[in-house]
């Protein structure tokens, strides 16, 4: 719909897709004021945003608006009411003038909060059900505890150098090149721990579960040896035939390439355990360029004179077959390397996360990721989920969410049960949902924000609650 002021109507479920500088906060505050004018209980209004500063600004603007309605002359109050989409009347003007004092002395005023503060409030009310320490404290800065977790991981690997954890760290260090890069890789794992928990929440052994998925993704068996497979079966005979044909066309390049292939076959016959990479390098140099492309070999008068037409065709055919097989081998080796790196990352990352979570439990602290994850689990997967949803639903009549483009998947999933309760209770009492956001202003993608959720939420509200979508340009 084109008139966004219609979105502020108290009885309407609405989502507003707004551009920068178009007055999103003004619209949200207007919605709250109109809810109060319509008789909504302040304690039943919950406004959620993403920073404490934005929440404080929202309440400040609400108080300023209500103070103006309380102190301005009748003409100014009527102008304000009209600007909000209301039709002034003496009764409405009188209600508007009383709102400021009513909220000032109400022991349970309108709540404007952040997602994390909302999650913290839920967990503090239901710590046993959420399986978090009662009276937990919130960890604002996790740097010191992350360092402690790293120290514990190093100590564990040092004490058992033959362990899987030590091997995983060594694999990461060899691939990443430096200790700093290895730490960054595992710190990234910690940063995405909610994604990890969501991915592995049904698994008894998360790292093994993820590794099995990676094996399916890369399509390789870690126990296979691609190099030995390449040199098995009929391929040595084909390589020998190709080398012999090259040798019959006596040029410097052909002599070098033929000799490299024959040397690789001789190393294979010698069955030297350390010759795998050397054999592969020799054959690769004969068949591929330094950039990894098949060498150009074409029919020519000189080649036909040396090999005959049939020999020339056979040389080119073998070159194509062997290059294809070698490129497939290189692809399999790359997938093996990627699999090994991912499995090492899963294993070491999971262990680092175990130490980090253990340290927090011992200190009785939760971080922001814990708040989101435990609140989500409490509302969706715990044995008390329906009871907790019922208790929360009894306190919330109107939900308003600002900057919805910065919502992440976990926040959306923990909101869904509340919205579903609201949808199921339609008609029992006055309820409403109001979302506002701008996909072009998503600034929290480093915190897993997904701007596409604004459209997804709008579609959900339209399908389940008959909500309307508005554009604010």
Protein backbone atom coordinates (compact mmCIF):
# COMPACT_ATOMS: atom_id res chain seq x y z
CA UNK A 1 0.00 0.00 0.00
CA UNK A 2 1.21 3.54 -0.70
CA UNK A 3 0.18 5.49 2.42
CA UNK A 4 2.51 4.34 5.24
CA UNK A 5 0.48 6.28 7.82
CA UNK A 6 -2.13 3.54 7.48
CA UNK A 7 0.46 1.16 8.96
CA UNK A 8 0.20 2.97 12.30
CA UNK A 9 -3.47 2.05 12.75
CA UNK A 10 -3.63 0.16 16.08
CA UNK A 11 -5.69 -2.77 14.84
CA UNK A 12 -3.63 -3.42 11.71
CA UNK A 13 -0.78 -5.94 11.42
CA UNK A 14 1.78 -4.27 9.20
CA UNK A 15 5.28 -4.39 7.82
CA UNK A 16 6.95 -1.25 6.50
CA UNK A 17 9.77 -1.41 3.97
CA UNK A 18 11.37 1.99 4.37
CA UNK A 19 14.25 3.79 2.72
CA UNK A 20 16.92 5.76 4.57
CA UNK A 21 15.87 9.09 6.03
CA UNK A 22 12.13 8.51 5.58
CA UNK A 23 11.15 8.67 9.25
CA UNK A 24 11.02 5.02 10.34
CA UNK A 25 11.41 5.91 14.01
CA UNK A 26 8.73 8.60 13.76
CA UNK A 27 6.39 6.01 12.27
CA UNK A 28 7.16 3.47 14.98
CA UNK A 29 6.63 6.01 17.77
CA UNK A 30 3.39 7.08 16.09
CA UNK A 31 2.23 3.47 16.15
CA UNK A 32 2.93 3.26 19.90
CA UNK A 33 1.10 6.52 20.63
CA UNK A 34 -1.92 5.39 18.63
CA UNK A 35 -1.94 2.07 20.50
CA UNK A 36 -1.99 3.97 23.80
CA UNK A 37 -4.74 6.26 22.54
CA UNK A 38 -6.74 3.18 21.61
CA UNK A 39 -6.49 1.93 25.19
CA UNK A 40 -3.59 -0.53 24.96
CA UNK A 41 -1.92 -1.27 28.30
CA UNK A 42 1.63 0.13 28.30
CA UNK A 43 3.02 -3.10 29.78
CA UNK A 44 1.58 -5.05 26.84
CA UNK A 45 3.62 -3.08 24.28
CA UNK A 46 7.05 -4.48 23.43
CA UNK A 47 9.33 -2.59 21.04
CA UNK A 48 12.54 -4.34 20.00
CA UNK A 49 15.53 -2.87 18.21
CA UNK A 50 19.23 -3.72 17.88
CA UNK A 51 21.18 -1.30 20.06
CA UNK A 52 20.65 0.17 23.50
CA UNK A 53 21.15 3.61 21.99
CA UNK A 54 18.32 3.04 19.51
CA UNK A 55 16.04 1.72 22.27
CA UNK A 56 16.79 4.75 24.44
CA UNK A 57 16.16 7.09 21.51
CA UNK A 58 12.83 5.41 20.84
CA UNK A 59 11.68 5.97 24.44
CA UNK A 60 13.00 9.54 24.40
CA UNK A 61 11.03 10.34 21.26
CA UNK A 62 7.93 8.70 22.72
CA UNK A 63 8.23 10.81 25.89
CA UNK A 64 8.81 13.97 23.84
CA UNK A 65 5.72 13.27 21.74
CA UNK A 66 3.57 12.59 24.80
CA UNK A 67 4.96 15.64 26.61
CA UNK A 68 4.02 17.78 23.63
CA UNK A 69 0.48 16.38 23.64
CA UNK A 70 0.27 17.14 27.36
CA UNK A 71 1.51 20.73 27.20
CA UNK A 72 0.70 22.14 23.75
CA UNK A 73 -2.40 24.22 23.14
CA UNK A 74 -5.50 22.59 21.65
CA UNK A 75 -4.72 23.63 18.08
CA UNK A 76 -1.18 22.16 18.26
CA UNK A 77 -2.48 18.93 19.81
CA UNK A 78 -5.05 18.62 17.03
CA UNK A 79 -2.32 19.13 14.40
CA UNK A 80 -0.23 16.40 16.00
CA UNK A 81 -3.19 14.03 16.12
CA UNK A 82 -4.01 14.67 12.47
CA UNK A 83 -0.36 14.10 11.48
CA UNK A 84 -0.59 10.70 13.16
CA UNK A 85 -3.72 9.77 11.24
CA UNK A 86 -6.21 10.42 14.06
CA UNK A 87 -9.38 12.51 13.83
CA UNK A 88 -9.30 15.05 16.68
CA UNK A 89 -12.21 15.32 19.09
CA UNK A 90 -12.52 16.70 22.61
CA UNK A 91 -12.51 13.18 24.08
CA UNK A 92 -9.46 12.09 22.06
CA UNK A 93 -7.64 15.33 22.88
CA UNK A 94 -8.33 14.74 26.58
CA UNK A 95 -6.97 11.16 26.39
CA UNK A 96 -3.88 12.40 24.55
CA UNK A 97 -3.19 15.02 27.22
CA UNK A 98 -3.34 12.40 30.00
CA UNK A 99 -0.99 9.87 28.40
CA UNK A 100 2.26 11.51 29.49
CA UNK A 101 1.39 11.55 33.19
CA UNK A 102 -0.14 8.07 33.00
CA UNK A 103 3.04 6.59 31.58
CA UNK A 104 5.24 8.60 33.92
CA UNK A 105 3.69 6.96 36.96
CA UNK A 106 2.89 3.54 35.51
CA UNK A 107 5.00 0.86 37.29
CA UNK A 108 5.00 -1.21 34.09
CA UNK A 109 5.59 1.22 31.21
CA UNK A 110 6.11 0.60 27.51
CA UNK A 111 9.19 -1.56 27.00
CA UNK A 112 11.76 -0.62 24.37
CA UNK A 113 14.62 -3.07 24.43
CA UNK A 114 17.22 -4.86 22.35
CA UNK A 115 17.01 -8.43 21.13
CA UNK A 116 19.75 -9.46 23.52
CA UNK A 117 18.11 -7.73 26.49
CA UNK A 118 14.82 -9.43 25.60
CA UNK A 119 16.56 -12.82 25.50
CA UNK A 120 18.29 -12.06 28.79
CA UNK A 121 14.96 -11.21 30.40
CA UNK A 122 13.45 -14.50 29.21
CA UNK A 123 16.37 -16.56 30.51
CA UNK A 124 16.36 -14.77 33.85
CA UNK A 125 12.68 -15.63 34.24
CA UNK A 126 13.12 -19.27 33.22
CA UNK A 127 16.71 -20.28 34.05
CA UNK A 128 15.91 -23.85 35.08
CA UNK A 129 13.82 -24.50 31.99
CA UNK A 130 16.55 -22.97 29.80
CA UNK A 131 19.31 -24.91 31.59
CA UNK A 132 21.36 -21.80 32.35
CA UNK A 133 22.85 -20.80 35.74
CA UNK A 134 20.26 -18.90 37.81
CA UNK A 135 21.53 -15.39 38.45
CA UNK A 136 24.00 -15.58 35.58
CA UNK A 137 25.95 -12.49 34.59
CA UNK A 138 26.31 -11.14 31.05
CA UNK A 139 29.78 -11.18 29.51
CA UNK A 140 30.37 -7.95 27.61
CA UNK A 141 33.95 -8.68 26.51
CA UNK A 142 34.96 -12.26 25.80
CA UNK A 143 38.60 -11.65 24.81
CA UNK A 144 40.06 -12.83 28.12
CA UNK A 145 37.96 -16.01 28.20
CA UNK A 146 38.77 -16.80 24.56
CA UNK A 147 42.47 -16.53 25.42
CA UNK A 148 41.92 -18.93 28.32
CA UNK A 149 40.18 -21.36 25.99
CA UNK A 150 43.15 -21.16 23.60
CA UNK A 151 45.56 -21.87 26.45
CA UNK A 152 43.51 -24.92 27.42
CA UNK A 153 43.48 -26.15 23.81
CA UNK A 154 47.26 -25.73 23.47
CA UNK A 155 47.85 -27.51 26.75
CA UNK A 156 45.66 -30.42 25.71
CA UNK A 157 47.44 -30.80 22.37
CA UNK A 158 50.88 -30.50 23.98
CA UNK A 159 50.14 -33.17 26.57
CA UNK A 160 48.90 -35.60 23.90
CA UNK A 161 50.86 -34.83 20.70
CA UNK A 162 49.54 -37.98 19.00
CA UNK A 163 45.89 -37.12 19.69
CA UNK A 164 43.30 -36.21 17.09
CA UNK A 165 43.17 -32.65 18.45
CA UNK A 166 46.93 -32.22 18.07
CA UNK A 167 46.71 -33.60 14.54
CA UNK A 168 43.89 -31.22 13.68
CA UNK A 169 45.88 -28.22 14.91
CA UNK A 170 48.92 -29.36 12.96
CA UNK A 171 46.81 -29.74 9.80
CA UNK A 172 45.42 -26.23 10.25
CA UNK A 173 48.85 -24.75 10.90
CA UNK A 174 50.33 -26.46 7.83
CA UNK A 175 47.51 -25.17 5.63
CA UNK A 176 47.09 -21.70 7.12
CA UNK A 177 50.83 -21.09 7.19
CA UNK A 178 51.13 -19.14 10.46
CA UNK A 179 49.92 -19.38 14.01
CA UNK A 180 48.08 -16.07 13.59
CA UNK A 181 46.16 -17.40 10.58
CA UNK A 182 45.34 -20.62 12.45
CA UNK A 183 43.98 -18.64 15.39
CA UNK A 184 41.95 -16.48 13.03
CA UNK A 185 40.44 -19.57 11.40
CA UNK A 186 39.37 -20.99 14.77
CA UNK A 187 38.23 -17.61 16.08
CA UNK A 188 35.95 -17.49 13.03
CA UNK A 189 34.58 -20.85 14.16
CA UNK A 190 33.81 -19.34 17.58
CA UNK A 191 32.19 -16.32 15.95
CA UNK A 192 29.81 -18.61 14.04
CA UNK A 193 29.05 -20.91 16.97
CA UNK A 194 25.30 -20.40 16.73
CA UNK A 195 25.39 -21.61 13.12
CA UNK A 196 27.45 -24.59 14.33
CA UNK A 197 25.02 -25.36 17.13
CA UNK A 198 22.07 -25.10 14.76
CA UNK A 199 23.77 -27.37 12.21
CA UNK A 200 24.79 -30.03 14.73
CA UNK A 201 22.08 -29.73 17.40
CA UNK A 202 20.73 -33.24 16.74
CA UNK A 203 24.17 -34.87 16.65
CA UNK A 204 25.73 -36.74 19.56
CA UNK A 205 29.22 -36.04 18.19
CA UNK A 206 29.06 -32.70 16.33
CA UNK A 207 32.50 -32.82 14.68
CA UNK A 208 31.96 -36.35 13.38
CA UNK A 209 28.51 -35.41 12.12
CA UNK A 210 29.88 -32.39 10.26
CA UNK A 211 32.77 -34.45 8.87
CA UNK A 212 30.32 -37.00 7.46
CA UNK A 213 28.44 -34.19 5.75
CA UNK A 214 31.67 -32.82 4.32
CA UNK A 215 32.57 -36.24 2.92
CA UNK A 216 29.24 -36.34 1.12
CA UNK A 217 29.71 -32.79 -0.12
CA UNK A 218 33.21 -33.35 -1.52
CA UNK A 219 32.36 -36.83 -2.79
CA UNK A 220 35.59 -38.45 -1.63
CA UNK A 221 36.60 -41.19 0.77
CA UNK A 222 39.42 -39.98 3.04
CA UNK A 223 40.86 -43.49 3.08
CA UNK A 224 41.27 -43.56 -0.71
CA UNK A 225 44.65 -42.77 -2.28
CA UNK A 226 43.98 -40.87 -5.54
CA UNK A 227 47.62 -40.97 -6.65
CA UNK A 228 47.86 -44.75 -6.30
CA UNK A 229 44.52 -45.07 -8.09
CA UNK A 230 45.89 -42.98 -10.96
CA UNK A 231 48.92 -45.26 -11.32
CA UNK A 232 46.88 -48.47 -11.02
CA UNK A 233 45.24 -50.76 -13.57
CA UNK A 234 45.97 -50.17 -17.23
CA UNK A 235 47.29 -46.66 -16.83
CA UNK A 236 51.00 -47.57 -16.44
CA UNK A 237 50.80 -49.36 -19.79
CA UNK A 238 49.13 -46.33 -21.37
CA UNK A 239 51.78 -44.03 -19.92
CA UNK A 240 54.54 -46.31 -21.21
CA UNK A 241 52.96 -46.41 -24.68
CA UNK A 242 52.62 -42.62 -24.69
CA UNK A 243 56.29 -42.20 -23.62
CA UNK A 244 57.43 -44.57 -26.37
CA UNK A 245 55.51 -42.65 -29.02
CA UNK A 246 56.99 -39.38 -27.78
CA UNK A 247 60.45 -40.91 -27.96
CA UNK A 248 59.98 -41.83 -31.60
CA UNK A 249 59.60 -38.15 -32.50
CA UNK A 250 63.07 -37.13 -31.45
CA UNK A 251 62.85 -33.53 -30.24
CA UNK A 252 64.34 -32.05 -27.07
CA UNK A 253 60.91 -31.47 -25.53
CA UNK A 254 59.65 -34.95 -26.38
CA UNK A 255 62.81 -36.55 -25.01
CA UNK A 256 62.36 -34.65 -21.72
CA UNK A 257 58.68 -35.53 -21.39
CA UNK A 258 59.20 -39.17 -22.38
CA UNK A 259 62.06 -39.50 -19.91
CA UNK A 260 59.99 -37.94 -17.10
CA UNK A 261 57.15 -40.43 -17.63
CA UNK A 262 59.52 -43.41 -17.77
CA UNK A 263 61.24 -42.18 -14.59
CA UNK A 264 57.84 -41.96 -12.85
CA UNK A 265 57.04 -45.55 -13.91
CA UNK A 266 60.43 -46.72 -12.67
CA UNK A 267 59.80 -45.12 -9.28
CA UNK A 268 56.49 -46.94 -9.12
CA UNK A 269 58.16 -50.24 -9.89
CA UNK A 270 60.68 -49.58 -7.14
CA UNK A 271 57.70 -49.29 -4.73
CA UNK A 272 59.32 -46.48 -2.78
CA UNK A 273 56.93 -45.21 -0.11
CA UNK A 274 58.04 -41.58 -0.57
CA UNK A 275 57.79 -41.54 -4.35
CA UNK A 276 54.08 -40.73 -4.71
CA UNK A 277 54.44 -36.96 -5.01
CA UNK A 278 57.61 -37.30 -7.12
CA UNK A 279 55.84 -39.61 -9.59
CA UNK A 280 52.92 -37.26 -9.83
CA UNK A 281 55.17 -34.24 -10.38
CA UNK A 282 57.05 -35.98 -13.19
CA UNK A 283 53.88 -37.01 -15.05
CA UNK A 284 52.25 -33.62 -14.45
CA UNK A 285 55.24 -31.81 -15.94
CA UNK A 286 55.06 -33.99 -19.05
CA UNK A 287 51.32 -33.56 -19.60
CA UNK A 288 50.36 -30.15 -18.20
CA UNK A 289 51.70 -26.63 -18.39
CA UNK A 290 52.81 -24.70 -15.32
CA UNK A 291 49.35 -23.12 -15.22
CA UNK A 292 47.76 -26.57 -15.04
CA UNK A 293 46.41 -26.65 -18.58
CA UNK A 294 46.96 -29.63 -20.95
CA UNK A 295 49.99 -29.08 -23.17
CA UNK A 296 49.12 -28.34 -26.78
CA UNK A 297 49.97 -31.31 -28.98
CA UNK A 298 48.70 -31.19 -32.55
CA UNK A 299 49.16 -33.24 -35.68
CA UNK A 300 51.96 -32.06 -37.95
CA UNK A 301 53.90 -33.23 -41.00
CA UNK A 302 56.97 -33.90 -38.85
CA UNK A 303 54.94 -35.91 -36.34
CA UNK A 304 53.27 -37.99 -39.06
CA UNK A 305 56.63 -38.61 -40.74
CA UNK A 306 58.06 -39.91 -37.45
CA UNK A 307 55.07 -41.95 -36.24
CA UNK A 308 52.92 -42.53 -39.28
CA UNK A 309 49.28 -41.43 -39.45
CA UNK A 310 48.08 -44.15 -37.07
CA UNK A 311 50.86 -43.46 -34.57
CA UNK A 312 50.18 -39.75 -34.69
CA UNK A 313 46.47 -40.29 -34.01
CA UNK A 314 47.28 -42.68 -31.16
CA UNK A 315 49.68 -40.19 -29.55
CA UNK A 316 47.07 -37.44 -29.59
CA UNK A 317 44.39 -39.82 -28.32
CA UNK A 318 46.60 -40.95 -25.42
CA UNK A 319 47.51 -37.35 -24.63
CA UNK A 320 43.82 -36.45 -24.32
CA UNK A 321 42.99 -39.51 -22.21
CA UNK A 322 45.94 -39.06 -19.87
CA UNK A 323 45.37 -35.30 -19.48
CA UNK A 324 41.71 -35.88 -18.60
CA UNK A 325 42.70 -38.51 -16.03
CA UNK A 326 45.36 -36.24 -14.56
CA UNK A 327 42.99 -33.28 -14.29
CA UNK A 328 40.46 -35.52 -12.57
CA UNK A 329 43.22 -36.65 -10.19
CA UNK A 330 44.14 -33.04 -9.39
CA UNK A 331 40.49 -32.29 -8.72
CA UNK A 332 40.22 -35.29 -6.38
CA UNK A 333 43.40 -34.26 -4.59
CA UNK A 334 41.98 -30.75 -4.13
CA UNK A 335 38.76 -32.21 -2.73
CA UNK A 336 40.74 -34.48 -0.41
CA UNK A 337 42.74 -31.49 0.81
CA UNK A 338 39.57 -29.43 1.33
CA UNK A 339 37.95 -32.29 3.20
CA UNK A 340 40.97 -32.75 5.44
CA UNK A 341 41.11 -29.01 6.17
CA UNK A 342 37.40 -28.82 6.97
CA UNK A 343 37.51 -31.88 9.21
CA UNK A 344 40.50 -30.43 11.08
CA UNK A 345 38.63 -27.12 11.45
CA UNK A 346 35.53 -28.89 12.78
CA UNK A 347 37.52 -30.97 15.24
CA UNK A 348 39.77 -28.22 16.59
CA UNK A 349 36.97 -25.65 16.51
CA UNK A 350 34.60 -27.89 18.44
CA UNK A 351 37.27 -28.52 21.07
CA UNK A 352 38.08 -24.83 21.38
CA UNK A 353 34.36 -24.16 21.76
CA UNK A 354 34.10 -26.88 24.43
CA UNK A 355 36.82 -25.19 26.48
CA UNK A 356 35.24 -21.75 25.99
CA UNK A 357 31.79 -22.93 27.07
CA UNK A 358 33.26 -24.80 30.07
CA UNK A 359 35.08 -21.68 31.27
CA UNK A 360 31.86 -19.64 31.03
CA UNK A 361 29.92 -22.26 32.99
CA UNK A 362 32.54 -22.17 35.72
CA UNK A 363 32.27 -18.37 35.87
CA UNK A 364 28.44 -18.47 35.65
CA UNK A 365 28.43 -16.06 32.72
CA UNK A 366 26.71 -16.02 29.33
CA UNK A 367 27.70 -14.10 26.23
CA UNK A 368 25.42 -12.59 23.59
CA UNK A 369 25.45 -15.74 21.45
CA UNK A 370 24.41 -17.77 24.51
CA UNK A 371 21.48 -15.41 25.11
CA UNK A 372 20.14 -15.90 21.59
CA UNK A 373 20.76 -19.63 21.43
CA UNK A 374 19.34 -20.54 24.85
CA UNK A 375 16.30 -18.32 24.32
CA UNK A 376 15.70 -19.93 20.92
CA UNK A 377 16.06 -23.43 22.38
CA UNK A 378 13.80 -22.57 25.32
CA UNK A 379 11.04 -21.31 23.03
CA UNK A 380 11.28 -24.01 20.38
CA UNK A 381 12.95 -27.20 21.54
CA UNK A 382 12.69 -27.51 25.32
CA UNK A 383 10.18 -29.67 27.11
CA UNK A 384 8.71 -26.50 28.62
CA UNK A 385 8.47 -24.57 25.35
CA UNK A 386 4.68 -24.36 25.17
CA UNK A 387 4.36 -23.33 28.80
CA UNK A 388 7.02 -20.62 28.41
CA UNK A 389 5.36 -19.41 25.21
CA UNK A 390 2.04 -19.18 27.07
CA UNK A 391 3.58 -17.20 29.94
CA UNK A 392 5.27 -14.75 27.57
CA UNK A 393 2.20 -14.43 25.39
CA UNK A 394 0.14 -13.41 28.41
CA UNK A 395 2.41 -10.36 28.84
CA UNK A 396 2.72 -9.22 25.23
CA UNK A 397 -0.18 -7.74 23.27
CA UNK A 398 1.67 -5.67 20.69
CA UNK A 399 5.09 -6.42 19.19
CA UNK A 400 7.00 -3.73 17.30
CA UNK A 401 10.39 -4.49 15.76
CA UNK A 402 12.64 -1.79 14.37
CA UNK A 403 15.50 -2.28 11.86
CA UNK A 404 14.22 -5.74 10.97
CA UNK A 405 16.78 -6.00 8.15
CA UNK A 406 19.40 -6.69 10.84
CA UNK A 407 17.56 -9.73 12.21
CA UNK A 408 19.52 -12.97 12.07
CA UNK A 409 18.01 -16.45 11.55
CA UNK A 410 18.15 -17.35 15.26
CA UNK A 411 16.35 -14.16 16.28
CA UNK A 412 13.67 -14.78 13.67
CA UNK A 413 13.22 -18.38 14.85
CA UNK A 414 12.85 -17.34 18.49
CA UNK A 415 10.31 -14.70 17.46
CA UNK A 416 8.22 -17.19 15.49
CA UNK A 417 6.72 -19.02 18.51
CA UNK A 418 5.58 -15.69 19.95
CA UNK A 419 4.04 -14.69 16.63
CA UNK A 420 2.38 -18.09 16.29
CA UNK A 421 0.89 -17.74 19.78
CA UNK A 422 -0.35 -14.30 18.80
CA UNK A 423 -1.87 -15.68 15.59
CA UNK A 424 -3.52 -18.56 17.44
CA UNK A 425 -5.04 -16.17 19.97
CA UNK A 426 -6.56 -13.76 17.45
CA UNK A 427 -9.91 -12.51 18.78
CA UNK A 428 -9.21 -13.08 22.48
CA UNK A 429 -7.88 -9.55 22.96
CA UNK A 430 -6.51 -6.73 20.85
CA UNK A 431 -3.17 -7.89 19.41
CA UNK A 432 -0.87 -6.54 16.71
CA UNK A 433 2.50 -6.92 15.02
CA UNK A 434 4.46 -4.09 13.40
CA UNK A 435 7.78 -4.52 11.58
CA UNK A 436 9.88 -1.85 9.95
CA UNK A 437 13.17 -2.15 8.07
CA UNK A 438 15.22 -1.36 4.99
CA UNK A 439 17.16 -4.14 3.27
CA UNK A 440 19.64 -1.59 1.89
CA UNK A 441 20.67 -0.55 5.41
CA UNK A 442 21.65 -3.96 6.80
CA UNK A 443 24.84 -3.28 8.79
CA UNK A 444 25.08 -6.33 11.03
CA UNK A 445 25.90 -9.03 8.50
CA UNK A 446 29.08 -9.73 10.48
CA UNK A 447 26.66 -10.78 13.26
CA UNK A 448 24.77 -13.12 10.92
CA UNK A 449 22.07 -10.59 9.96
CA UNK A 450 20.13 -11.62 6.86
CA UNK A 451 18.27 -8.77 5.14
CA UNK A 452 16.12 -11.30 3.23
CA UNK A 453 14.31 -12.07 6.48
CA UNK A 454 12.41 -8.77 6.19
CA UNK A 455 10.58 -10.04 3.11
CA UNK A 456 10.22 -13.52 4.62
CA UNK A 457 8.65 -12.08 7.77
CA UNK A 458 6.34 -9.83 5.75
CA UNK A 459 5.14 -12.83 3.76
CA UNK A 460 4.59 -14.84 6.95
CA UNK A 461 2.53 -12.05 8.51
CA UNK A 462 0.48 -11.66 5.35
CA UNK A 463 -0.24 -15.39 5.16
CA UNK A 464 -0.94 -15.99 8.85
CA UNK A 465 -2.32 -12.69 10.12
CA UNK A 466 -3.63 -10.92 7.03
CA UNK A 467 -0.99 -8.22 7.52
CA UNK A 468 -0.42 -5.47 4.99
CA UNK A 469 2.90 -4.36 3.51
CA UNK A 470 3.74 -0.67 3.11
CA UNK A 471 6.52 1.21 1.35
CA UNK A 472 8.06 4.35 2.82
CA UNK A 473 10.06 6.30 0.22
